[in-house]
Protein backbone atom coordinates (compact mmCIF):
# COMPACT_ATOMS: atom_id res chain seq x y z
CA UNK A 1 76.77 96.81 107.62
CA UNK A 2 77.23 95.86 111.27
CA UNK A 3 80.94 96.31 111.95
CA UNK A 4 82.76 95.28 115.13
CA UNK A 5 85.79 97.51 115.80
CA UNK A 6 88.61 97.03 118.30
CA UNK A 7 90.74 99.99 119.31
CA UNK A 8 88.03 102.54 118.56
CA UNK A 9 89.55 105.29 120.71
CA UNK A 10 93.04 104.87 119.26
CA UNK A 11 94.88 106.93 116.66
CA UNK A 12 93.44 104.91 113.78
CA UNK A 13 90.27 103.65 115.41
CA UNK A 14 88.68 106.98 116.31
CA UNK A 15 88.89 108.28 112.73
CA UNK A 16 87.70 104.90 111.46
CA UNK A 17 84.61 104.82 113.69
CA UNK A 18 83.64 108.33 112.64
CA UNK A 19 84.09 107.51 108.96
CA UNK A 20 82.04 104.31 109.18
CA UNK A 21 79.23 106.14 110.96
CA UNK A 22 79.25 108.82 108.27
CA UNK A 23 78.98 106.05 105.67
CA UNK A 24 75.82 104.77 107.36
CA UNK A 25 77.27 101.66 108.97
CA UNK A 26 76.39 100.50 112.47
CA UNK A 27 79.56 100.27 114.56
CA UNK A 28 79.87 98.04 117.61
CA UNK A 29 82.98 99.12 119.47
CA UNK A 30 84.87 97.09 122.05
CA UNK A 31 85.26 99.47 125.00
CA UNK A 32 86.99 98.91 128.32
CA UNK A 33 85.40 101.80 130.20
CA UNK A 34 82.21 103.89 130.27
CA UNK A 35 84.37 106.91 129.45
CA UNK A 36 85.59 105.32 126.21
CA UNK A 37 82.04 104.36 125.28
CA UNK A 38 80.80 107.91 125.88
CA UNK A 39 83.68 109.35 123.85
CA UNK A 40 82.78 107.24 120.83
CA UNK A 41 79.04 107.80 121.13
CA UNK A 42 79.70 111.51 120.71
CA UNK A 43 80.99 110.82 117.20
CA UNK A 44 77.41 110.32 116.01
CA UNK A 45 74.37 108.03 116.00
CA UNK A 46 74.84 104.44 114.96
CA UNK A 47 77.49 103.51 117.54
CA UNK A 48 76.96 100.80 120.14
CA UNK A 49 79.45 100.09 122.89
CA UNK A 50 80.25 96.50 123.83
CA UNK A 51 82.10 96.30 127.17
CA UNK A 52 85.12 94.07 127.15
CA UNK A 53 88.88 93.74 127.12
CA UNK A 54 91.04 92.69 124.16
CA UNK A 55 92.94 90.42 126.57
CA UNK A 56 89.74 88.53 127.48
CA UNK A 57 88.28 87.51 124.10
CA UNK A 58 85.77 85.03 125.51
CA UNK A 59 83.71 87.98 126.62
CA UNK A 60 83.26 89.56 123.18
CA UNK A 61 84.04 87.17 120.32
CA UNK A 62 80.49 85.85 119.99
CA UNK A 63 79.23 89.39 119.53
CA UNK A 64 82.01 90.12 117.06
CA UNK A 65 81.38 87.14 114.78
CA UNK A 66 77.66 87.93 114.72
CA UNK A 67 78.55 91.10 112.78
CA UNK A 68 79.16 91.42 109.05
CA UNK A 69 82.81 92.31 109.61
CA UNK A 70 85.49 92.78 112.26
CA UNK A 71 88.09 95.54 111.98
CA UNK A 72 91.04 95.08 114.31
CA UNK A 73 92.98 98.28 115.04
CA UNK A 74 93.76 97.71 118.73
CA UNK A 75 97.34 97.33 119.94
CA UNK A 76 98.47 97.38 123.56
CA UNK A 77 102.18 98.18 123.01
CA UNK A 78 102.94 96.24 126.16
CA UNK A 79 105.44 93.38 126.66
CA UNK A 80 102.59 90.88 126.26
CA UNK A 81 101.17 92.49 123.12
CA UNK A 82 101.91 89.49 120.92
CA UNK A 83 100.23 87.09 123.35
CA UNK A 84 97.13 89.27 123.65
CA UNK A 85 96.83 89.75 119.90
CA UNK A 86 97.30 86.06 119.11
CA UNK A 87 94.76 85.03 121.74
CA UNK A 88 92.19 87.52 120.47
CA UNK A 89 92.51 86.57 116.81
CA UNK A 90 92.58 82.85 117.62
CA UNK A 91 89.32 83.28 119.51
CA UNK A 92 87.78 85.08 116.53
CA UNK A 93 88.89 82.28 114.20
CA UNK A 94 87.44 79.59 116.45
CA UNK A 95 84.15 81.41 116.95
CA UNK A 96 83.79 82.04 113.22
CA UNK A 97 83.54 78.28 112.60
CA UNK A 98 79.85 78.49 113.47
CA UNK A 99 79.10 80.91 110.63
CA UNK A 100 77.61 79.81 107.32
CA UNK A 101 79.93 82.16 105.43
CA UNK A 102 83.49 83.32 106.17
CA UNK A 103 83.72 86.37 108.43
CA UNK A 104 85.21 89.50 106.90
CA UNK A 105 88.20 90.67 108.92
CA UNK A 106 90.39 93.72 108.32
CA UNK A 107 93.61 93.34 110.26
CA UNK A 108 96.03 96.21 110.88
CA UNK A 109 99.65 95.38 110.13
CA UNK A 110 102.19 98.15 109.76
CA UNK A 111 104.98 99.62 107.70
CA UNK A 112 107.54 98.40 110.23
CA UNK A 113 106.96 94.83 109.07
CA UNK A 114 108.92 95.82 105.96
CA UNK A 115 112.65 96.47 105.50
CA UNK A 116 114.33 99.81 104.87
CA UNK A 117 114.06 101.11 101.33
CA UNK A 118 116.83 100.09 98.99
CA UNK A 119 116.63 101.50 95.46
CA UNK A 120 112.93 101.08 94.81
CA UNK A 121 109.85 102.08 96.82
CA UNK A 122 108.33 99.37 98.95
CA UNK A 123 105.42 97.45 97.45
CA UNK A 124 103.30 94.57 98.69
CA UNK A 125 105.58 92.12 96.84
CA UNK A 126 108.52 92.89 99.14
CA UNK A 127 109.09 90.18 101.76
CA UNK A 128 108.55 90.97 105.40
CA UNK A 129 111.59 91.85 107.52
CA UNK A 130 109.89 92.95 110.74
CA UNK A 131 111.41 94.97 113.52
CA UNK A 132 112.10 92.59 116.46
CA UNK A 133 109.10 93.89 118.42
CA UNK A 134 106.77 92.91 115.57
CA UNK A 135 108.23 89.60 114.36
CA UNK A 136 105.23 87.75 115.79
CA UNK A 137 102.88 89.68 113.50
CA UNK A 138 104.30 87.95 110.41
CA UNK A 139 102.99 84.57 111.59
CA UNK A 140 99.78 86.16 112.85
CA UNK A 141 98.98 87.49 109.39
CA UNK A 142 99.78 84.16 107.74
CA UNK A 143 97.52 82.36 110.21
CA UNK A 144 94.62 84.70 109.51
CA UNK A 145 95.02 84.60 105.74
CA UNK A 146 94.98 80.79 105.66
CA UNK A 147 91.93 80.39 107.89
CA UNK A 148 88.95 78.89 105.98
CA UNK A 149 86.55 80.64 108.35
CA UNK A 150 87.79 84.13 107.57
CA UNK A 151 87.97 86.40 104.55
CA UNK A 152 90.89 88.63 105.42
CA UNK A 153 92.22 91.97 104.22
CA UNK A 154 95.46 93.39 105.63
CA UNK A 155 96.21 97.11 105.73
CA UNK A 156 99.76 98.29 106.48
CA UNK A 157 99.65 101.97 107.48
CA UNK A 158 102.58 104.32 107.17
CA UNK A 159 103.26 106.65 110.13
CA UNK A 160 99.78 107.85 111.07
CA UNK A 161 99.17 111.55 111.62
CA UNK A 162 96.29 113.28 113.40
CA UNK A 163 95.93 116.88 114.58
CA UNK A 164 97.20 115.80 118.01
CA UNK A 165 99.33 112.68 117.49
CA UNK A 166 102.01 111.40 115.16
CA UNK A 167 105.25 112.81 113.74
CA UNK A 168 103.87 116.07 112.34
CA UNK A 169 102.03 117.02 115.54
CA UNK A 170 105.05 116.19 117.68
CA UNK A 171 107.41 118.29 115.56
CA UNK A 172 104.94 121.19 115.64
CA UNK A 173 104.83 120.99 119.44
CA UNK A 174 108.62 120.93 119.72
CA UNK A 175 109.12 123.88 117.36
CA UNK A 176 106.41 125.92 119.09
CA UNK A 177 108.17 125.48 122.43
CA UNK A 178 111.67 125.97 121.15
CA UNK A 179 112.61 122.44 122.17
CA UNK A 180 114.55 119.76 120.26
CA UNK A 181 112.49 117.14 118.52
CA UNK A 182 113.62 113.85 120.04
CA UNK A 183 113.26 110.71 117.94
CA UNK A 184 115.12 107.57 116.89
CA UNK A 185 115.56 108.89 113.36
CA UNK A 186 118.41 111.01 112.08
CA UNK A 187 118.17 113.97 109.72
CA UNK A 188 118.33 111.84 106.56
CA UNK A 189 115.80 109.22 107.64
CA UNK A 190 112.81 109.07 105.30
CA UNK A 191 109.34 108.63 106.74
CA UNK A 192 106.18 107.64 104.80
CA UNK A 193 103.09 109.39 106.19
CA UNK A 194 99.31 109.12 106.10
CA UNK A 195 96.54 111.06 107.83
CA UNK A 196 94.22 109.08 110.06
CA UNK A 197 91.21 110.35 108.12
CA UNK A 198 92.63 109.20 104.78
CA UNK A 199 93.51 105.87 106.33
CA UNK A 200 89.94 105.52 107.60
CA UNK A 201 88.70 106.06 104.04
CA UNK A 202 90.85 103.15 102.87
CA UNK A 203 89.47 100.86 105.59
CA UNK A 204 85.96 101.87 104.58
CA UNK A 205 86.61 101.29 100.90
CA UNK A 206 88.11 97.86 101.55
CA UNK A 207 85.21 96.97 103.84
CA UNK A 208 82.69 97.73 101.10
CA UNK A 209 84.66 96.15 98.25
CA UNK A 210 83.49 93.00 96.52
CA UNK A 211 87.02 91.66 96.21
CA UNK A 212 88.04 91.48 99.84
CA UNK A 213 91.17 89.34 100.11
CA UNK A 214 93.74 92.12 99.84
CA UNK A 215 97.02 93.25 101.40
CA UNK A 216 97.63 96.96 100.96
CA UNK A 217 100.28 99.50 101.89
CA UNK A 218 98.82 102.86 102.91
CA UNK A 219 101.07 105.90 102.53
CA UNK A 220 99.52 109.04 101.05
CA UNK A 221 102.94 110.71 101.25
CA UNK A 222 105.46 108.12 99.98
CA UNK A 223 108.37 109.53 101.95
CA UNK A 224 109.82 112.73 103.38
CA UNK A 225 113.20 113.30 105.03
CA UNK A 226 112.91 114.11 108.70
CA UNK A 227 115.06 117.22 108.32
CA UNK A 228 112.92 118.47 105.42
CA UNK A 229 109.73 117.86 107.38
CA UNK A 230 111.12 119.65 110.40
CA UNK A 231 112.42 122.66 108.49
CA UNK A 232 109.14 122.93 106.59
CA UNK A 233 107.24 123.08 109.86
CA UNK A 234 109.70 125.56 111.37
CA UNK A 235 109.36 127.83 108.35
CA UNK A 236 105.58 127.78 108.63
CA UNK A 237 105.72 128.60 112.34
CA UNK A 238 108.56 131.12 112.16
CA UNK A 239 110.63 128.98 114.51
CA UNK A 240 113.69 126.75 114.50
CA UNK A 241 113.89 123.00 114.03
CA UNK A 242 116.43 121.10 116.09
CA UNK A 243 116.70 117.31 115.90
CA UNK A 244 117.98 115.14 118.71
CA UNK A 245 118.50 111.50 117.73
CA UNK A 246 117.98 109.21 120.72
CA UNK A 247 119.19 105.66 121.18
CA UNK A 248 117.58 102.84 123.12
CA UNK A 249 118.62 102.61 126.74
CA UNK A 250 121.27 99.97 127.52
CA UNK A 251 119.65 96.65 128.21
CA UNK A 252 116.49 97.44 126.24
CA UNK A 253 114.88 94.24 124.99
CA UNK A 254 114.51 94.53 121.18
CA UNK A 255 111.29 92.52 121.44
CA UNK A 256 109.67 95.32 123.46
CA UNK A 257 111.35 98.23 121.69
CA UNK A 258 108.21 99.49 119.97
CA UNK A 259 109.79 102.71 118.68
CA UNK A 260 112.72 101.16 116.81
CA UNK A 261 110.88 101.60 113.51
CA UNK A 262 111.30 105.36 113.61
CA UNK A 263 114.92 104.77 112.63
CA UNK A 264 113.86 103.02 109.42
CA UNK A 265 114.24 104.93 106.18
CA UNK A 266 111.38 103.90 103.88
CA UNK A 267 109.71 105.11 100.71
CA UNK A 268 106.36 103.44 100.06
CA UNK A 269 104.28 102.93 96.96
CA UNK A 270 100.51 102.84 97.52
CA UNK A 271 99.73 102.21 93.86
CA UNK A 272 97.96 98.97 94.71
CA UNK A 273 95.63 100.73 97.16
CA UNK A 274 94.79 103.45 94.66
CA UNK A 275 94.22 101.01 91.79
CA UNK A 276 92.55 98.02 93.48
CA UNK A 277 90.72 99.87 96.24
CA UNK A 278 90.21 103.20 94.44
CA UNK A 279 91.85 104.98 97.38
CA UNK A 280 92.02 108.75 96.88
CA UNK A 281 93.71 110.40 99.87
CA UNK A 282 93.07 114.09 100.51
CA UNK A 283 96.34 114.86 102.32
CA UNK A 284 98.92 114.08 99.65
CA UNK A 285 101.39 116.85 100.54
CA UNK A 286 103.31 117.57 103.73
CA UNK A 287 101.66 121.00 103.94
CA UNK A 288 98.25 119.32 104.11
CA UNK A 289 99.27 117.50 107.28
CA UNK A 290 100.93 120.59 108.75
CA UNK A 291 97.81 122.68 108.12
CA UNK A 292 95.67 120.09 109.87
CA UNK A 293 97.83 120.31 113.00
CA UNK A 294 98.38 124.07 113.10
CA UNK A 295 94.71 124.88 112.56
CA UNK A 296 93.76 122.97 115.73
CA UNK A 297 95.81 125.36 117.89
CA UNK A 298 97.11 122.40 119.88
CA UNK A 299 100.07 124.03 121.60
CA UNK A 300 100.09 124.12 125.38
CA UNK A 301 103.25 124.55 127.50
CA UNK A 302 102.47 121.55 129.70
CA UNK A 303 102.22 119.06 126.84
CA UNK A 304 105.07 116.65 126.16
CA UNK A 305 107.21 117.01 123.05
CA UNK A 306 108.16 113.34 122.89
CA UNK A 307 107.12 111.37 119.84
CA UNK A 308 104.31 108.85 120.24
CA UNK A 309 104.16 105.34 118.84
CA UNK A 310 102.75 104.91 115.38
């Protein structure tokens, strides 16, 4: 398939592009710079760069809707993120009106659109209760799902982990340097996790599925307490885990507080993804994610120990 991907150099997008190329698809990636294009070309043959900016959709939507599918993983995490995302997806919807058949679109939501866990694990039947910074995404998803010109699948990733980014990598860095791990969570907060490579497999499976109109939660590890994750990492490294819970600065606008979700305690069921999309994640245990990080030898004294956005 010819697949147009936004956010190809991001935490999710890079693993996704590599997976799609390995599956034999041709990937057209929206890239803002020659450096980004070169980075993605190194992932393997079958990648084509299309220069453009997510904030200027008129420059790339015609190329996008000429493909078999569009996978949207880009997110700016800037104060105007909602405006940029709405404008981009509206442009895709309008351009898709010229197609004979609805355009396949996979849109990336997120676990922070859902409320904290009560007594039962979260499933796709639970109503959205987004964090303030992501309230706009609720209407965005509804607008996409009701568009007659699009055939839409929504994937809601848990906290995404790579060898260099995400909660596990950041805790490893902090423990290696003997520094506190600073996050919005407290010791008892429960985090659902997924590796970027396993998440890419789910995107690929959904892309190739006959039944496309899906909404799926993606958490290979349903939930782990922050203190248990930290102590597990410290034990593996022969170090000490120290947690420092941070609060938003006074005057922080909740609508631009993109890290508030780290304080959410959530346990997630991905039964729907495993049953309907035949998703079979490889990293199902915390140790699998820890191994992936430690084996890269990522530690360097000059690197920051602050947690990155999901």
